[in-house]
Each structure stands twice: as structure tokens, then as C-alpha cells.
Amino acid sequence: MAEIADIINKARAADRISARDLIEQIFTDFFELHGDRQFTDDEAIVGGIAKFNGRPVTVIGIQKGRNLAENLATNFGQPTPNGYRKALRLMKNAEKFGRPIITLVNTAGAYPGIEAEERGQGEAIARNLLEMSDFKVPIIAVITGEGGSGGALALAVANKVFILENAVYSVLSPEGFATILWKDGSRRDEAAELMKITGPHLLEMGVVDGIISEDNLIANLKHQLTQTLTELEALSPDELIEQRYLRFRKY
């Protein structure tokens, strides 16, 4: 149980590598795009066009802050409906121009504020799930820290999903699970063991397709993305859709 507690703490650490850090170190010629064309720009979602190994791609990440000001600006890495609609706009643009989509997921969940509900949080997430299922370009998702609930899945309906070794991916937080099951959120680590939210369990269940070692992280992630893009780009649009469909239907 101590090991899983350590992984959860590392996944949530304030100094954990962020989406912007990964974009800067893995991609070149990043051109950031802003706004959802409906209301505003959500700073919890960072995305745009970049090059990976000289190949144009669309990269989208969930950004957390490292101090109070940054966390307030990004809602502590919890996207609003505007963020999910911004991500969908970028993904539709990627499909239009035939660019692969790479997402970097690190969120405890979608922003739970009243204003988010008023602007259609549930609909925005559901729309992403629906639209991503049918995109005709390769989609790769990487869980880089926390992958919490529908807020994470809204960027992870992918052909291939990978997780960093000190990241977690679950239907809700272990604290929430413990509160629901035992009325005691302090039993977080016990809940996490039951939920099987770490890489080895997720790989065994087929929820993720690989675990990326954090020793020499950038090189390892570049290698995995290169290998997976090569594999996926050999498939036709119909094969990509079918692969994605079968991947999620098996659950």
C-alpha cells in the first residue's frame, strides 16, 4: 500500500512535468491556438499545431499550475466546457488536414463549478467522446499524471493509450471512492488498491497499451510516440475507426 501511496503522491506533485514542459521538449515549431469560438479561452487546455519528427501533428494537453496564481488560472488542471470545446475544435481541424492527434492528460476531473454545469459540462464531455470515436486520423493519448473520470476520458478516446509509470487513471479519485464506499476519505490508499489505478494493473486489464518509464522520460516518450505513429499511420481511416471502436467495446 505504501507503493501505491507513493505513486499517487508523485502523480499529484506540484513539480510534476506539465503539458507545456512536454510540448516544449518533445515537439518543435509549436503554434498555440486559443479559444472555443463560443465563449472564452480555457487555460486548463493548451493545444495547437506542432511538428513531431518533422511531421505535422496536433497536440493537446491538460495544464496544471505550479503555484497558486497558475492553479487559479487553470482551475487546478480541471477543464471547463470551454476547454473541452476548444480541444474538440483543434481535433476537428486536425482531422480536416490529416494530422495525427496526440493528447497529454493530467487532471483530477472536469471543473465541478456551477458555471461549468450551466454551460453544459456533461454535454461537452459527451460530445468529445462521440466525436473522437469517429475521427479518421490516428489518436494517441498519454496519461501523464492524474487521469480522473470523464474529465480525462474526454481527451483519451484514442487508438492507443499510454501511461507514465508514476501516473494513475481511474473512474474517480480514490478519496471519492473511499468516501462513497466507507464514508471515510482517509482510506484513500486502501481504495486505490481495490480500484487498480496504476500502470501494471491497467496494462493487465487492457485499459492502457503500455507503461512509459520515467527514467529518461523524454527519450522514452519520443520513442513510444514514434513507434506508435508509424504503426497507426499504416492503417486506413476505416481501420483506425474500427480499432478505436473495438478497443473501447471490449470493456
C-alpha atoms as a PDB file:
ATOM      1  CA  MET A   1       0.000   0.000   0.000  1.00  0.00           C
ATOM      2  CA  ALA A   2       2.959   2.288   0.613  1.00  0.00           C
ATOM      3  CA  GLU A   3       3.972   1.911  -3.040  1.00  0.00           C
ATOM      4  CA  ILE A   4       0.581   2.989  -4.364  1.00  0.00           C
ATOM      5  CA  ALA A   5       0.534   5.941  -1.968  1.00  0.00           C
ATOM      6  CA  ASP A   6       3.906   6.993  -3.373  1.00  0.00           C
ATOM      7  CA  ILE A   7       2.635   6.762  -6.960  1.00  0.00           C
ATOM      8  CA  ILE A   8      -0.457   8.844  -6.162  1.00  0.00           C
ATOM      9  CA  ASN A   9       1.677  11.483  -4.461  1.00  0.00           C
ATOM     10  CA  LYS A  10       4.081  11.611  -7.405  1.00  0.00           C
ATOM     11  CA  ALA A  11       1.200  11.837  -9.888  1.00  0.00           C
ATOM     12  CA  ARG A  12      -0.155  14.852  -7.998  1.00  0.00           C
ATOM     13  CA  ALA A  13       3.147  16.538  -7.165  1.00  0.00           C
ATOM     14  CA  ALA A  14       3.240  20.272  -7.828  1.00  0.00           C
ATOM     15  CA  ASP A  15       6.601  19.936  -9.589  1.00  0.00           C
ATOM     16  CA  ARG A  16       5.468  17.118 -11.895  1.00  0.00           C
ATOM     17  CA  ILE A  17       6.292  17.640 -15.547  1.00  0.00           C
ATOM     18  CA  SER A  18       3.470  19.608 -17.161  1.00  0.00           C
ATOM     19  CA  ALA A  19       1.827  19.538 -20.568  1.00  0.00           C
ATOM     20  CA  ARG A  20       3.701  22.680 -21.601  1.00  0.00           C
ATOM     21  CA  ASP A  21       7.010  21.154 -20.467  1.00  0.00           C
ATOM     22  CA  LEU A  22       6.373  18.030 -22.548  1.00  0.00           C
ATOM     23  CA  ILE A  23       5.287  20.012 -25.595  1.00  0.00           C
ATOM     24  CA  GLU A  24       8.425  22.151 -25.383  1.00  0.00           C
ATOM     25  CA  GLN A  25      10.771  19.187 -25.039  1.00  0.00           C
ATOM     26  CA  ILE A  26       9.180  16.687 -27.427  1.00  0.00           C
ATOM     27  CA  PHE A  27       7.746  18.782 -30.259  1.00  0.00           C
ATOM     28  CA  THR A  28       9.099  21.562 -32.444  1.00  0.00           C
ATOM     29  CA  ASP A  29       7.515  24.597 -34.114  1.00  0.00           C
ATOM     30  CA  PHE A  30       4.592  24.607 -31.673  1.00  0.00           C
ATOM     31  CA  PHE A  31       1.943  27.151 -32.659  1.00  0.00           C
ATOM     32  CA  GLU A  32      -0.599  27.522 -29.870  1.00  0.00           C
ATOM     33  CA  LEU A  33      -4.270  28.052 -30.687  1.00  0.00           C
ATOM     34  CA  HIS A  34      -6.763  29.625 -28.306  1.00  0.00           C
ATOM     35  CA  GLY A  35     -10.482  29.748 -27.632  1.00  0.00           C
ATOM     36  CA  ASP A  36     -13.528  27.613 -28.277  1.00  0.00           C
ATOM     37  CA  ARG A  37     -15.161  30.055 -30.754  1.00  0.00           C
ATOM     38  CA  GLN A  38     -18.151  30.229 -28.415  1.00  0.00           C
ATOM     39  CA  PHE A  39     -17.261  31.883 -25.124  1.00  0.00           C
ATOM     40  CA  THR A  40     -13.669  32.083 -23.909  1.00  0.00           C
ATOM     41  CA  ASP A  41     -10.217  30.523 -23.740  1.00  0.00           C
ATOM     42  CA  ASP A  42      -9.713  27.908 -21.022  1.00  0.00           C
ATOM     43  CA  GLU A  43      -6.115  27.927 -19.787  1.00  0.00           C
ATOM     44  CA  ALA A  44      -6.500  24.375 -18.442  1.00  0.00           C
ATOM     45  CA  ILE A  45      -6.321  23.190 -22.060  1.00  0.00           C
ATOM     46  CA  VAL A  46      -3.196  24.012 -24.041  1.00  0.00           C
ATOM     47  CA  GLY A  47      -3.086  22.942 -27.654  1.00  0.00           C
ATOM     48  CA  GLY A  48      -2.081  23.719 -31.159  1.00  0.00           C
ATOM     49  CA  ILE A  49      -0.128  22.591 -34.202  1.00  0.00           C
ATOM     50  CA  ALA A  50       3.416  21.300 -33.886  1.00  0.00           C
ATOM     51  CA  LYS A  51       5.910  19.036 -35.580  1.00  0.00           C
ATOM     52  CA  PHE A  52       6.996  15.643 -34.299  1.00  0.00           C
ATOM     53  CA  ASN A  53       9.991  14.189 -36.116  1.00  0.00           C
ATOM     54  CA  GLY A  54       9.279  16.759 -38.817  1.00  0.00           C
ATOM     55  CA  ARG A  55       5.678  15.527 -39.204  1.00  0.00           C
ATOM     56  CA  PRO A  56       2.812  17.999 -38.532  1.00  0.00           C
ATOM     57  CA  VAL A  57       0.617  16.905 -35.627  1.00  0.00           C
ATOM     58  CA  THR A  58      -1.975  18.429 -33.351  1.00  0.00           C
ATOM     59  CA  VAL A  59      -1.019  18.237 -29.686  1.00  0.00           C
ATOM     60  CA  ILE A  60      -3.438  18.970 -26.834  1.00  0.00           C
ATOM     61  CA  GLY A  61      -2.657  18.815 -23.130  1.00  0.00           C
ATOM     62  CA  ILE A  62      -4.284  19.496 -19.793  1.00  0.00           C
ATOM     63  CA  GLN A  63      -2.193  22.043 -17.925  1.00  0.00           C
ATOM     64  CA  LYS A  64      -1.823  22.304 -14.143  1.00  0.00           C
ATOM     65  CA  GLY A  65      -0.136  25.161 -12.336  1.00  0.00           C
ATOM     66  CA  ARG A  66       2.898  25.121 -10.061  1.00  0.00           C
ATOM     67  CA  ASN A  67       1.798  27.984  -7.817  1.00  0.00           C
ATOM     68  CA  LEU A  68      -1.479  29.477  -6.618  1.00  0.00           C
ATOM     69  CA  ALA A  69      -1.779  32.021  -9.433  1.00  0.00           C
ATOM     70  CA  GLU A  70      -1.204  29.388 -12.129  1.00  0.00           C
ATOM     71  CA  ASN A  71      -3.578  26.944 -10.456  1.00  0.00           C
ATOM     72  CA  LEU A  72      -6.310  29.554 -10.230  1.00  0.00           C
ATOM     73  CA  ALA A  73      -5.835  30.373 -13.926  1.00  0.00           C
ATOM     74  CA  THR A  74      -6.109  26.683 -14.888  1.00  0.00           C
ATOM     75  CA  ASN A  75      -8.741  25.681 -12.293  1.00  0.00           C
ATOM     76  CA  PHE A  76      -6.086  23.363 -10.820  1.00  0.00           C
ATOM     77  CA  GLY A  77      -5.983  21.491 -14.126  1.00  0.00           C
ATOM     78  CA  GLN A  78      -9.746  20.948 -14.281  1.00  0.00           C
ATOM     79  CA  PRO A  79     -11.093  21.990 -17.691  1.00  0.00           C
ATOM     80  CA  THR A  80     -14.395  23.792 -18.154  1.00  0.00           C
ATOM     81  CA  PRO A  81     -16.815  23.102 -21.032  1.00  0.00           C
ATOM     82  CA  ASN A  82     -14.992  25.822 -22.943  1.00  0.00           C
ATOM     83  CA  GLY A  83     -11.765  23.849 -22.614  1.00  0.00           C
ATOM     84  CA  TYR A  84     -13.306  20.647 -23.927  1.00  0.00           C
ATOM     85  CA  ARG A  85     -14.918  22.543 -26.807  1.00  0.00           C
ATOM     86  CA  LYS A  86     -11.571  24.178 -27.554  1.00  0.00           C
ATOM     87  CA  ALA A  87      -9.938  20.730 -27.635  1.00  0.00           C
ATOM     88  CA  LEU A  88     -12.654  19.426 -29.944  1.00  0.00           C
ATOM     89  CA  ARG A  89     -12.209  22.391 -32.281  1.00  0.00           C
ATOM     90  CA  LEU A  90      -8.492  21.622 -32.537  1.00  0.00           C
ATOM     91  CA  MET A  91      -9.142  17.926 -33.105  1.00  0.00           C
ATOM     92  CA  LYS A  92     -11.641  18.653 -35.884  1.00  0.00           C
ATOM     93  CA  ASN A  93      -9.057  20.899 -37.507  1.00  0.00           C
ATOM     94  CA  ALA A  94      -6.536  18.068 -37.259  1.00  0.00           C
ATOM     95  CA  GLU A  95      -8.899  15.673 -38.988  1.00  0.00           C
ATOM     96  CA  LYS A  96      -9.654  18.192 -41.738  1.00  0.00           C
ATOM     97  CA  PHE A  97      -5.957  18.474 -42.593  1.00  0.00           C
ATOM     98  CA  GLY A  98      -4.981  14.871 -41.890  1.00  0.00           C
ATOM     99  CA  ARG A  99      -2.803  15.495 -38.844  1.00  0.00           C
ATOM    100  CA  PRO A 100      -2.424  12.830 -36.118  1.00  0.00           C
ATOM    101  CA  ILE A 101      -3.682  13.877 -32.681  1.00  0.00           C
ATOM    102  CA  ILE A 102      -1.606  13.462 -29.514  1.00  0.00           C
ATOM    103  CA  THR A 103      -3.149  14.265 -26.129  1.00  0.00           C
ATOM    104  CA  LEU A 104      -1.404  14.685 -22.765  1.00  0.00           C
ATOM    105  CA  VAL A 105      -3.807  14.046 -19.899  1.00  0.00           C
ATOM    106  CA  ASN A 106      -3.324  15.218 -16.314  1.00  0.00           C
ATOM    107  CA  THR A 107      -6.492  16.142 -14.444  1.00  0.00           C
ATOM    108  CA  ALA A 108      -8.322  15.152 -11.303  1.00  0.00           C
ATOM    109  CA  GLY A 109     -11.504  15.615 -13.339  1.00  0.00           C
ATOM    110  CA  ALA A 110     -13.582  18.209 -15.113  1.00  0.00           C
ATOM    111  CA  TYR A 111     -14.170  21.512 -13.309  1.00  0.00           C
ATOM    112  CA  PRO A 112     -17.166  20.997 -10.962  1.00  0.00           C
ATOM    113  CA  GLY A 113     -18.256  24.634 -10.544  1.00  0.00           C
ATOM    114  CA  ILE A 114     -21.843  25.813 -11.017  1.00  0.00           C
ATOM    115  CA  GLU A 115     -20.893  27.916 -14.032  1.00  0.00           C
ATOM    116  CA  ALA A 116     -19.424  24.830 -15.722  1.00  0.00           C
ATOM    117  CA  GLU A 117     -22.698  22.983 -15.248  1.00  0.00           C
ATOM    118  CA  GLU A 118     -24.619  25.994 -16.540  1.00  0.00           C
ATOM    119  CA  ARG A 119     -22.532  25.987 -19.721  1.00  0.00           C
ATOM    120  CA  GLY A 120     -23.043  22.273 -20.354  1.00  0.00           C
ATOM    121  CA  GLN A 121     -20.135  20.389 -18.822  1.00  0.00           C
ATOM    122  CA  GLY A 122     -21.738  16.977 -19.285  1.00  0.00           C
ATOM    123  CA  GLU A 123     -22.708  17.704 -22.885  1.00  0.00           C
ATOM    124  CA  ALA A 124     -19.226  18.990 -23.744  1.00  0.00           C
ATOM    125  CA  ILE A 125     -17.575  15.835 -22.409  1.00  0.00           C
ATOM    126  CA  ALA A 126     -20.124  13.564 -24.103  1.00  0.00           C
ATOM    127  CA  ARG A 127     -19.648  15.416 -27.389  1.00  0.00           C
ATOM    128  CA  ASN A 128     -15.892  14.815 -27.248  1.00  0.00           C
ATOM    129  CA  LEU A 129     -16.417  11.101 -26.622  1.00  0.00           C
ATOM    130  CA  LEU A 130     -18.823  10.887 -29.560  1.00  0.00           C
ATOM    131  CA  GLU A 131     -16.706  12.887 -31.997  1.00  0.00           C
ATOM    132  CA  MET A 132     -13.372  11.289 -31.089  1.00  0.00           C
ATOM    133  CA  SER A 133     -14.838   7.853 -31.693  1.00  0.00           C
ATOM    134  CA  ASP A 134     -15.291   8.710 -35.357  1.00  0.00           C
ATOM    135  CA  PHE A 135     -12.155  10.664 -36.277  1.00  0.00           C
ATOM    136  CA  LYS A 136     -10.305   9.329 -39.311  1.00  0.00           C
ATOM    137  CA  VAL A 137      -6.805  10.229 -38.094  1.00  0.00           C
ATOM    138  CA  PRO A 138      -4.599   8.434 -35.543  1.00  0.00           C
ATOM    139  CA  ILE A 139      -5.143   9.435 -31.918  1.00  0.00           C
ATOM    140  CA  ILE A 140      -2.618   8.719 -29.164  1.00  0.00           C
ATOM    141  CA  ALA A 141      -3.314   9.611 -25.522  1.00  0.00           C
ATOM    142  CA  VAL A 142      -0.732   9.712 -22.745  1.00  0.00           C
ATOM    143  CA  ILE A 143      -1.765   9.828 -19.088  1.00  0.00           C
ATOM    144  CA  THR A 144       0.995  11.961 -17.595  1.00  0.00           C
ATOM    145  CA  GLY A 145      -0.200  12.450 -14.021  1.00  0.00           C
ATOM    146  CA  GLU A 146      -3.767  12.018 -12.856  1.00  0.00           C
ATOM    147  CA  GLY A 147      -6.347  10.652 -15.245  1.00  0.00           C
ATOM    148  CA  GLY A 148      -9.591  11.333 -13.463  1.00  0.00           C
ATOM    149  CA  SER A 149     -13.071  10.296 -14.595  1.00  0.00           C
ATOM    150  CA  GLY A 150     -14.827  11.672 -17.688  1.00  0.00           C
ATOM    151  CA  GLY A 151     -12.680  14.776 -17.482  1.00  0.00           C
ATOM    152  CA  ALA A 152      -9.717  12.647 -18.564  1.00  0.00           C
ATOM    153  CA  LEU A 153     -11.605  10.329 -20.900  1.00  0.00           C
ATOM    154  CA  ALA A 154     -12.797  13.353 -22.895  1.00  0.00           C
ATOM    155  CA  LEU A 155      -9.252  13.532 -24.299  1.00  0.00           C
ATOM    156  CA  ALA A 156      -8.460   9.827 -24.215  1.00  0.00           C
ATOM    157  CA  VAL A 157     -10.771   8.103 -26.704  1.00  0.00           C
ATOM    158  CA  ALA A 158      -7.687   7.075 -28.615  1.00  0.00           C
ATOM    159  CA  ASN A 159      -6.318   4.270 -30.750  1.00  0.00           C
ATOM    160  CA  LYS A 160      -3.534   3.809 -28.228  1.00  0.00           C
ATOM    161  CA  VAL A 161      -3.378   4.935 -24.601  1.00  0.00           C
ATOM    162  CA  PHE A 162      -0.126   5.024 -22.625  1.00  0.00           C
ATOM    163  CA  ILE A 163       0.577   5.888 -19.005  1.00  0.00           C
ATOM    164  CA  LEU A 164       3.693   7.172 -17.287  1.00  0.00           C
ATOM    165  CA  GLU A 165       4.948   4.837 -14.570  1.00  0.00           C
ATOM    166  CA  ASN A 166       4.073   7.290 -11.781  1.00  0.00           C
ATOM    167  CA  ALA A 167       0.633   8.217 -13.086  1.00  0.00           C
ATOM    168  CA  VAL A 168      -2.863   6.964 -12.250  1.00  0.00           C
ATOM    169  CA  TYR A 169      -6.050   6.538 -14.300  1.00  0.00           C
ATOM    170  CA  SER A 170      -9.445   5.911 -12.731  1.00  0.00           C
ATOM    171  CA  VAL A 171     -13.188   6.471 -12.845  1.00  0.00           C
ATOM    172  CA  LEU A 172     -12.972   8.785  -9.812  1.00  0.00           C
ATOM    173  CA  SER A 173     -10.450   9.785  -7.173  1.00  0.00           C
ATOM    174  CA  PRO A 174      -9.540   7.177  -4.553  1.00  0.00           C
ATOM    175  CA  GLU A 175     -10.680   9.665  -1.897  1.00  0.00           C
ATOM    176  CA  GLY A 176     -14.083   9.839  -3.586  1.00  0.00           C
ATOM    177  CA  PHE A 177     -14.246   6.054  -3.833  1.00  0.00           C
ATOM    178  CA  ALA A 178     -13.394   5.700  -0.129  1.00  0.00           C
ATOM    179  CA  THR A 179     -15.973   8.310   0.837  1.00  0.00           C
ATOM    180  CA  ILE A 180     -18.703   6.570  -1.153  1.00  0.00           C
ATOM    181  CA  LEU A 181     -17.803   3.057  -0.019  1.00  0.00           C
ATOM    182  CA  TRP A 182     -16.780   3.615   3.602  1.00  0.00           C
ATOM    183  CA  LYS A 183     -17.768   7.243   4.358  1.00  0.00           C
ATOM    184  CA  ASP A 184     -14.089   7.792   5.101  1.00  0.00           C
ATOM    185  CA  GLY A 185     -11.891   9.618   2.588  1.00  0.00           C
ATOM    186  CA  SER A 186      -8.799   8.959   4.679  1.00  0.00           C
ATOM    187  CA  ARG A 187      -8.826   5.355   3.439  1.00  0.00           C
ATOM    188  CA  ARG A 188      -7.523   6.619   0.089  1.00  0.00           C
ATOM    189  CA  ASP A 189      -4.687   4.145  -0.312  1.00  0.00           C
ATOM    190  CA  GLU A 190      -6.871   1.167   0.542  1.00  0.00           C
ATOM    191  CA  ALA A 191      -9.404   2.345  -2.033  1.00  0.00           C
ATOM    192  CA  ALA A 192      -6.679   2.816  -4.638  1.00  0.00           C
ATOM    193  CA  GLU A 193      -5.562  -0.800  -4.185  1.00  0.00           C
ATOM    194  CA  LEU A 194      -9.099  -2.012  -4.854  1.00  0.00           C
ATOM    195  CA  MET A 195      -9.577   0.300  -7.827  1.00  0.00           C
ATOM    196  CA  LYS A 196      -6.399  -0.893  -9.608  1.00  0.00           C
ATOM    197  CA  ILE A 197      -5.476   2.562 -10.892  1.00  0.00           C
ATOM    198  CA  THR A 198      -1.726   2.196 -11.521  1.00  0.00           C
ATOM    199  CA  GLY A 199       0.073   1.233 -14.716  1.00  0.00           C
ATOM    200  CA  PRO A 200       0.664  -2.506 -14.146  1.00  0.00           C
ATOM    201  CA  HIS A 201      -2.977  -3.186 -13.237  1.00  0.00           C
ATOM    202  CA  LEU A 202      -4.263  -1.030 -16.098  1.00  0.00           C
ATOM    203  CA  LEU A 203      -1.961  -2.776 -18.577  1.00  0.00           C
ATOM    204  CA  GLU A 204      -3.083  -6.186 -17.354  1.00  0.00           C
ATOM    205  CA  MET A 205      -6.737  -5.204 -17.834  1.00  0.00           C
ATOM    206  CA  GLY A 206      -6.092  -3.728 -21.276  1.00  0.00           C
ATOM    207  CA  VAL A 207      -7.095  -0.204 -20.256  1.00  0.00           C
ATOM    208  CA  VAL A 208      -3.682   1.092 -21.340  1.00  0.00           C
ATOM    209  CA  ASP A 209      -1.395  -0.196 -24.071  1.00  0.00           C
ATOM    210  CA  GLY A 210       1.930   0.475 -22.405  1.00  0.00           C
ATOM    211  CA  ILE A 211       3.769   1.972 -19.441  1.00  0.00           C
ATOM    212  CA  ILE A 212       6.427   4.604 -20.095  1.00  0.00           C
ATOM    213  CA  SER A 213       9.397   4.632 -17.732  1.00  0.00           C
ATOM    214  CA  GLU A 214      10.169   7.997 -16.194  1.00  0.00           C
ATOM    215  CA  ASP A 215      13.891   7.307 -16.174  1.00  0.00           C
ATOM    216  CA  ASN A 216      14.978   9.310 -19.223  1.00  0.00           C
ATOM    217  CA  LEU A 217      11.310  10.195 -19.741  1.00  0.00           C
ATOM    218  CA  ILE A 218      11.607  12.437 -22.796  1.00  0.00           C
ATOM    219  CA  ALA A 219      13.610   9.908 -24.808  1.00  0.00           C
ATOM    220  CA  ASN A 220      11.284   7.086 -23.805  1.00  0.00           C
ATOM    221  CA  LEU A 221       8.163   9.045 -24.684  1.00  0.00           C
ATOM    222  CA  LYS A 222       9.597  10.163 -28.026  1.00  0.00           C
ATOM    223  CA  HIS A 223      10.466   6.552 -28.854  1.00  0.00           C
ATOM    224  CA  GLN A 224       6.982   5.311 -27.949  1.00  0.00           C
ATOM    225  CA  LEU A 225       5.238   8.042 -29.933  1.00  0.00           C
ATOM    226  CA  THR A 226       7.478   7.424 -32.961  1.00  0.00           C
ATOM    227  CA  GLN A 227       6.823   3.693 -32.906  1.00  0.00           C
ATOM    228  CA  THR A 228       3.071   4.067 -32.379  1.00  0.00           C
ATOM    229  CA  LEU A 229       2.592   6.749 -35.022  1.00  0.00           C
ATOM    230  CA  THR A 230       4.377   4.552 -37.560  1.00  0.00           C
ATOM    231  CA  GLU A 231       2.070   1.675 -36.666  1.00  0.00           C
ATOM    232  CA  LEU A 232      -1.123   3.739 -36.796  1.00  0.00           C
ATOM    233  CA  GLU A 233      -0.299   5.635 -39.978  1.00  0.00           C
ATOM    234  CA  ALA A 234      -0.142   2.302 -41.798  1.00  0.00           C
ATOM    235  CA  LEU A 235      -3.872   1.868 -41.152  1.00  0.00           C
ATOM    236  CA  SER A 236      -6.661   3.230 -43.337  1.00  0.00           C
ATOM    237  CA  PRO A 237      -9.194   5.717 -41.891  1.00  0.00           C
ATOM    238  CA  ASP A 238     -11.797   2.963 -41.620  1.00  0.00           C
ATOM    239  CA  GLU A 239      -9.306   0.695 -39.859  1.00  0.00           C
ATOM    240  CA  LEU A 240      -8.452   3.447 -37.374  1.00  0.00           C
ATOM    241  CA  ILE A 241     -12.120   3.927 -36.524  1.00  0.00           C
ATOM    242  CA  GLU A 242     -12.693   0.184 -36.216  1.00  0.00           C
ATOM    243  CA  GLN A 243      -9.633  -0.248 -33.991  1.00  0.00           C
ATOM    244  CA  ARG A 244     -10.806   2.542 -31.692  1.00  0.00           C
ATOM    245  CA  TYR A 245     -14.317   1.075 -31.591  1.00  0.00           C
ATOM    246  CA  LEU A 246     -13.119  -2.407 -30.714  1.00  0.00           C
ATOM    247  CA  ARG A 247     -10.690  -1.064 -28.119  1.00  0.00           C
ATOM    248  CA  PHE A 248     -13.455   0.532 -26.070  1.00  0.00           C
ATOM    249  CA  ARG A 249     -16.139  -2.060 -26.743  1.00  0.00           C
ATOM    250  CA  LYS A 250     -14.040  -4.763 -25.072  1.00  0.00           C
ATOM    251  CA  TYR A 251     -14.651  -3.190 -21.656  1.00  0.00           C
END
